[in-house]
PDB file of N, CA and C in Angstrom:
ATOM      1  N   MET A   1       3.700   8.151   2.898  1.00  0.00           N
ATOM      2  CA  MET A   1       4.097   7.520   3.890  1.00  0.00           C
ATOM      3  C   MET A   1       4.934   6.340   3.803  1.00  0.00           C
ATOM      4  N   ASN A   2       6.024   6.206   4.188  1.00  0.00           N
ATOM      5  CA  ASN A   2       6.945   4.993   4.115  1.00  0.00           C
ATOM      6  C   ASN A   2       6.485   3.903   4.856  1.00  0.00           C
ATOM      7  N   SER A   3       6.937   2.686   4.485  1.00  0.00           N
ATOM      8  CA  SER A   3       6.527   1.404   5.259  1.00  0.00           C
ATOM      9  C   SER A   3       7.063   1.592   6.763  1.00  0.00           C
ATOM     10  N   ALA A   4       8.335   2.036   6.993  1.00  0.00           N
ATOM     11  CA  ALA A   4       8.931   2.015   8.453  1.00  0.00           C
ATOM     12  C   ALA A   4       8.178   2.752   9.296  1.00  0.00           C
ATOM     13  N   ASP A   5       7.553   3.983   8.833  1.00  0.00           N
ATOM     14  CA  ASP A   5       6.588   4.957   9.622  1.00  0.00           C
ATOM     15  C   ASP A   5       5.583   4.227   9.733  1.00  0.00           C
ATOM     16  N   LEU A   6       4.945   3.465   8.774  1.00  0.00           N
ATOM     17  CA  LEU A   6       3.414   3.034   8.940  1.00  0.00           C
ATOM     18  C   LEU A   6       3.587   1.702   9.952  1.00  0.00           C
ATOM     19  N   SER A   7       4.736   0.789   9.827  1.00  0.00           N
ATOM     20  CA  SER A   7       4.817  -0.173  10.868  1.00  0.00           C
ATOM     21  C   SER A   7       5.084   0.369  12.158  1.00  0.00           C
ATOM     22  N   LYS A   8       5.670   1.467  12.394  1.00  0.00           N
ATOM     23  CA  LYS A   8       5.862   2.122  13.679  1.00  0.00           C
ATOM     24  C   LYS A   8       4.368   2.636  14.384  1.00  0.00           C
ATOM     25  N   ILE A   9       3.714   3.275  13.504  1.00  0.00           N
ATOM     26  CA  ILE A   9       2.406   3.645  13.805  1.00  0.00           C
ATOM     27  C   ILE A   9       1.378   2.295  14.124  1.00  0.00           C
ATOM     28  N   LEU A  10       1.331   1.554  13.316  1.00  0.00           N
ATOM     29  CA  LEU A  10       0.504   0.280  13.587  1.00  0.00           C
ATOM     30  C   LEU A  10       0.961  -0.375  14.695  1.00  0.00           C
ATOM     31  N   GLU A  11       2.382  -0.560  15.147  1.00  0.00           N
ATOM     32  CA  GLU A  11       2.955  -1.334  16.293  1.00  0.00           C
ATOM     33  C   GLU A  11       2.189  -0.534  17.427  1.00  0.00           C
ATOM     34  N   GLU A  12       2.216   0.693  17.479  1.00  0.00           N
ATOM     35  CA  GLU A  12       1.984   1.579  18.567  1.00  0.00           C
ATOM     36  C   GLU A  12       0.262   1.293  18.903  1.00  0.00           C
ATOM     37  N   HIS A  13      -0.270   1.232  17.767  1.00  0.00           N
ATOM     38  CA  HIS A  13      -1.820   1.099  17.647  1.00  0.00           C
ATOM     39  C   HIS A  13      -2.065  -0.080  18.478  1.00  0.00           C
ATOM     40  N   LYS A  14      -1.359  -1.182  17.864  1.00  0.00           N
ATOM     41  CA  LYS A  14      -1.602  -2.500  18.432  1.00  0.00           C
ATOM     42  C   LYS A  14      -1.345  -2.535  19.961  1.00  0.00           C
ATOM     43  N   VAL A  15      -0.436  -1.971  20.501  1.00  0.00           N
ATOM     44  CA  VAL A  15      -0.268  -1.845  21.782  1.00  0.00           C
ATOM     45  C   VAL A  15      -1.339  -1.071  22.484  1.00  0.00           C
ATOM     46  N   TRP A  16      -1.992  -0.138  21.843  1.00  0.00           N
ATOM     47  CA  TRP A  16      -3.042   0.914  22.341  1.00  0.00           C
ATOM     48  C   TRP A  16      -4.323  -0.259  22.476  1.00  0.00           C
ATOM     49  N   ILE A  17      -4.334  -0.798  21.619  1.00  0.00           N
ATOM     50  CA  ILE A  17      -5.575  -1.816  21.519  1.00  0.00           C
ATOM     51  C   ILE A  17      -5.475  -2.912  22.416  1.00  0.00           C
ATOM     52  N   THR A  18      -4.480  -3.515  22.649  1.00  0.00           N
ATOM     53  CA  THR A  18      -4.108  -4.565  23.375  1.00  0.00           C
ATOM     54  C   THR A  18      -4.156  -4.240  25.028  1.00  0.00           C
ATOM     55  N   SER A  19      -3.625  -3.003  25.231  1.00  0.00           N
ATOM     56  CA  SER A  19      -3.421  -2.707  26.608  1.00  0.00           C
ATOM     57  C   SER A  19      -4.845  -1.812  27.081  1.00  0.00           C
ATOM     58  N   MET A  20      -5.796  -2.034  26.280  1.00  0.00           N
ATOM     59  CA  MET A  20      -7.066  -1.297  26.398  1.00  0.00           C
ATOM     60  C   MET A  20      -6.911   0.242  26.679  1.00  0.00           C
ATOM     61  N   ARG A  21      -6.035   0.718  25.787  1.00  0.00           N
ATOM     62  CA  ARG A  21      -5.944   2.146  25.585  1.00  0.00           C
ATOM     63  C   ARG A  21      -5.169   2.869  26.874  1.00  0.00           C
ATOM     64  N   GLU A  22      -4.334   1.768  27.539  1.00  0.00           N
ATOM     65  CA  GLU A  22      -3.542   2.399  28.755  1.00  0.00           C
ATOM     66  C   GLU A  22      -2.142   2.836  28.260  1.00  0.00           C
ATOM     67  N   SER A  23      -1.536   2.301  27.127  1.00  0.00           N
ATOM     68  CA  SER A  23      -0.360   2.733  26.649  1.00  0.00           C
ATOM     69  C   SER A  23      -0.432   2.449  25.157  1.00  0.00           C
ATOM     70  N   GLY A  24       0.747   2.834  24.530  1.00  0.00           N
ATOM     71  CA  GLY A  24       0.702   3.119  22.924  1.00  0.00           C
ATOM     72  C   GLY A  24       0.018   4.024  22.677  1.00  0.00           C
ATOM     73  N   SER A  25      -0.413   4.217  21.391  1.00  0.00           N
ATOM     74  CA  SER A  25      -1.130   5.356  21.085  1.00  0.00           C
ATOM     75  C   SER A  25      -2.145   5.041  19.699  1.00  0.00           C
ATOM     76  N   ARG A  26      -3.295   5.589  19.672  1.00  0.00           N
ATOM     77  CA  ARG A  26      -4.050   5.560  18.521  1.00  0.00           C
ATOM     78  C   ARG A  26      -3.484   5.842  17.418  1.00  0.00           C
ATOM     79  N   ALA A  27      -3.753   5.024  16.310  1.00  0.00           N
ATOM     80  CA  ALA A  27      -3.062   5.279  14.901  1.00  0.00           C
ATOM     81  C   ALA A  27      -3.918   6.551  14.552  1.00  0.00           C
ATOM     82  N   ASN A  28      -3.224   7.455  13.889  1.00  0.00           N
ATOM     83  CA  ASN A  28      -3.702   8.861  13.277  1.00  0.00           C
ATOM     84  C   ASN A  28      -3.118   8.635  11.842  1.00  0.00           C
ATOM     85  N   LEU A  29      -4.131   8.148  10.835  1.00  0.00           N
ATOM     86  CA  LEU A  29      -3.797   8.230   9.602  1.00  0.00           C
ATOM     87  C   LEU A  29      -4.571   8.962   8.776  1.00  0.00           C
ATOM     88  N   CYS A  30      -5.031   9.997   9.274  1.00  0.00           N
ATOM     89  CA  CYS A  30      -5.875  11.011   8.816  1.00  0.00           C
ATOM     90  C   CYS A  30      -5.163  11.555   7.419  1.00  0.00           C
ATOM     91  N   ASP A  31      -5.803  11.638   6.348  1.00  0.00           N
ATOM     92  CA  ASP A  31      -5.156  12.223   5.214  1.00  0.00           C
ATOM     93  C   ASP A  31      -4.037  11.398   4.684  1.00  0.00           C
ATOM     94  N   ALA A  32      -3.719  10.281   5.190  1.00  0.00           N
ATOM     95  CA  ALA A  32      -2.407   9.565   4.853  1.00  0.00           C
ATOM     96  C   ALA A  32      -2.488   9.022   3.621  1.00  0.00           C
ATOM     97  N   ASN A  33      -1.507   8.860   2.664  1.00  0.00           N
ATOM     98  CA  ASN A  33      -1.428   8.411   1.561  1.00  0.00           C
ATOM     99  C   ASN A  33      -1.102   6.908   1.611  1.00  0.00           C
ATOM    100  N   LEU A  34      -1.986   6.026   1.712  1.00  0.00           N
ATOM    101  CA  LEU A  34      -1.732   4.476   1.735  1.00  0.00           C
ATOM    102  C   LEU A  34      -1.990   3.763   0.538  1.00  0.00           C
ATOM    103  N   CYS A  35      -1.879   4.293  -0.453  1.00  0.00           N
ATOM    104  CA  CYS A  35      -1.951   3.762  -1.861  1.00  0.00           C
ATOM    105  C   CYS A  35      -1.107   2.594  -1.807  1.00  0.00           C
ATOM    106  N   GLY A  36      -1.548   1.431  -2.286  1.00  0.00           N
ATOM    107  CA  GLY A  36      -0.589   0.189  -2.446  1.00  0.00           C
ATOM    108  C   GLY A  36      -0.040  -0.360  -0.897  1.00  0.00           C
ATOM    109  N   ALA A  37      -0.382   0.188   0.174  1.00  0.00           N
ATOM    110  CA  ALA A  37       0.343  -0.203   1.305  1.00  0.00           C
ATOM    111  C   ALA A  37      -0.044  -1.644   1.755  1.00  0.00           C
ATOM    112  N   ASP A  38       0.716  -2.363   2.279  1.00  0.00           N
ATOM    113  CA  ASP A  38       0.525  -3.580   2.749  1.00  0.00           C
ATOM    114  C   ASP A  38       0.124  -3.640   4.217  1.00  0.00           C
ATOM    115  N   LEU A  39      -1.425  -3.820   4.283  1.00  0.00           N
ATOM    116  CA  LEU A  39      -1.980  -3.759   5.483  1.00  0.00           C
ATOM    117  C   LEU A  39      -2.605  -4.987   6.085  1.00  0.00           C
ATOM    118  N   ARG A  40      -2.086  -6.193   5.348  1.00  0.00           N
ATOM    119  CA  ARG A  40      -2.505  -7.380   5.855  1.00  0.00           C
ATOM    120  C   ARG A  40      -2.529  -7.718   7.040  1.00  0.00           C
ATOM    121  N   GLY A  41      -3.703  -8.260   7.681  1.00  0.00           N
ATOM    122  CA  GLY A  41      -3.731  -8.491   9.088  1.00  0.00           C
ATOM    123  C   GLY A  41      -3.774  -7.528  10.081  1.00  0.00           C
ATOM    124  N   ALA A  42      -3.638  -6.104   9.632  1.00  0.00           N
ATOM    125  CA  ALA A  42      -3.628  -5.027  10.488  1.00  0.00           C
ATOM    126  C   ALA A  42      -4.981  -4.729  11.270  1.00  0.00           C
ATOM    127  N   ASN A  43      -4.670  -4.447  12.632  1.00  0.00           N
ATOM    128  CA  ASN A  43      -5.722  -4.199  13.472  1.00  0.00           C
ATOM    129  C   ASN A  43      -6.062  -2.642  13.351  1.00  0.00           C
ATOM    130  N   LEU A  44      -7.129  -2.058  12.614  1.00  0.00           N
ATOM    131  CA  LEU A  44      -7.226  -0.978  12.333  1.00  0.00           C
ATOM    132  C   LEU A  44      -8.662  -0.436  13.166  1.00  0.00           C
ATOM    133  N   CYS A  45      -8.904  -1.301  14.386  1.00  0.00           N
ATOM    134  CA  CYS A  45     -10.052  -0.780  14.953  1.00  0.00           C
ATOM    135  C   CYS A  45     -10.054   0.457  15.575  1.00  0.00           C
ATOM    136  N   ASP A  46     -10.698   1.395  15.509  1.00  0.00           N
ATOM    137  CA  ASP A  46     -10.590   2.589  15.924  1.00  0.00           C
ATOM    138  C   ASP A  46      -9.526   3.660  15.499  1.00  0.00           C
ATOM    139  N   ALA A  47      -8.857   3.088  14.390  1.00  0.00           N
ATOM    140  CA  ALA A  47      -7.903   3.944  14.017  1.00  0.00           C
ATOM    141  C   ALA A  47      -8.553   5.232  12.989  1.00  0.00           C
ATOM    142  N   ASN A  48      -7.576   6.325  13.178  1.00  0.00           N
ATOM    143  CA  ASN A  48      -8.235   7.540  12.466  1.00  0.00           C
ATOM    144  C   ASN A  48      -7.857   7.237  10.907  1.00  0.00           C
ATOM    145  N   LEU A  49      -8.639   6.997  10.201  1.00  0.00           N
ATOM    146  CA  LEU A  49      -8.403   6.777   8.571  1.00  0.00           C
ATOM    147  C   LEU A  49      -9.349   7.728   7.877  1.00  0.00           C
ATOM    148  N   ARG A  50      -9.849   8.990   8.433  1.00  0.00           N
ATOM    149  CA  ARG A  50     -10.433   9.978   7.700  1.00  0.00           C
ATOM    150  C   ARG A  50      -9.520  10.569   6.634  1.00  0.00           C
ATOM    151  N   GLY A  51     -10.050  10.487   5.557  1.00  0.00           N
ATOM    152  CA  GLY A  51      -9.484  10.961   4.255  1.00  0.00           C
ATOM    153  C   GLY A  51      -8.251  10.268   3.687  1.00  0.00           C
ATOM    154  N   ALA A  52      -8.077   8.929   4.513  1.00  0.00           N
ATOM    155  CA  ALA A  52      -6.781   8.292   3.972  1.00  0.00           C
ATOM    156  C   ALA A  52      -7.119   7.740   2.571  1.00  0.00           C
ATOM    157  N   ASP A  53      -6.149   7.783   1.948  1.00  0.00           N
ATOM    158  CA  ASP A  53      -6.106   7.147   0.419  1.00  0.00           C
ATOM    159  C   ASP A  53      -5.638   5.776   0.410  1.00  0.00           C
ATOM    160  N   LEU A  54      -6.726   4.766   0.304  1.00  0.00           N
ATOM    161  CA  LEU A  54      -6.336   3.447   0.665  1.00  0.00           C
ATOM    162  C   LEU A  54      -6.278   2.646  -0.873  1.00  0.00           C
ATOM    163  N   ARG A  55      -6.376   3.315  -2.078  1.00  0.00           N
ATOM    164  CA  ARG A  55      -6.503   2.577  -3.352  1.00  0.00           C
ATOM    165  C   ARG A  55      -5.321   1.908  -3.525  1.00  0.00           C
ATOM    166  N   GLY A  56      -5.694   0.383  -3.822  1.00  0.00           N
ATOM    167  CA  GLY A  56      -4.619  -0.588  -4.063  1.00  0.00           C
ATOM    168  C   GLY A  56      -4.029  -1.253  -2.821  1.00  0.00           C
ATOM    169  N   ALA A  57      -4.561  -0.745  -1.619  1.00  0.00           N
ATOM    170  CA  ALA A  57      -4.049  -1.279  -0.420  1.00  0.00           C
ATOM    171  C   ALA A  57      -4.368  -2.524  -0.214  1.00  0.00           C
ATOM    172  N   ASN A  58      -3.544  -3.586   0.237  1.00  0.00           N
ATOM    173  CA  ASN A  58      -3.741  -4.791   0.692  1.00  0.00           C
ATOM    174  C   ASN A  58      -4.362  -4.919   2.016  1.00  0.00           C
ATOM    175  N   LEU A  59      -5.828  -5.265   2.096  1.00  0.00           N
ATOM    176  CA  LEU A  59      -6.262  -5.094   3.316  1.00  0.00           C
ATOM    177  C   LEU A  59      -6.807  -6.589   3.692  1.00  0.00           C
ATOM    178  N   CYS A  60      -6.389  -7.550   3.127  1.00  0.00           N
ATOM    179  CA  CYS A  60      -6.814  -8.916   3.662  1.00  0.00           C
ATOM    180  C   CYS A  60      -6.469  -9.212   4.941  1.00  0.00           C
ATOM    181  N   ASP A  61      -7.466  -9.724   5.672  1.00  0.00           N
ATOM    182  CA  ASP A  61      -7.540 -10.060   6.913  1.00  0.00           C
ATOM    183  C   ASP A  61      -7.355  -8.914   8.027  1.00  0.00           C
ATOM    184  N   ALA A  62      -7.617  -7.744   7.264  1.00  0.00           N
ATOM    185  CA  ALA A  62      -7.337  -6.575   8.476  1.00  0.00           C
ATOM    186  C   ALA A  62      -8.779  -6.402   8.950  1.00  0.00           C
ATOM    187  N   ASN A  63      -8.928  -5.711  10.249  1.00  0.00           N
ATOM    188  CA  ASN A  63     -10.155  -5.295  10.832  1.00  0.00           C
ATOM    189  C   ASN A  63     -10.005  -4.013  11.188  1.00  0.00           C
TER     190      ASN A  63
END
C-alpha cells in the first residue's frame, strides 16, 4: 500500500473516531502490506488490522 492511500484511509478513520462513527469510515487494513509504514501517532482504535503485515512499521505513540 502506498503512503498516499494509507494517509487517506487513516484520515477517514480519524474522522470516524472523532465523530463517534457518524461520518468518515473505519479503517479496513485487513491483509494490508504495511511493512515499514510510518504509523507514528496513528489512532488505530477499532481499525481492522486482521492479517496486516506490520513488520518494521513505526508504531511510536500509535494507539
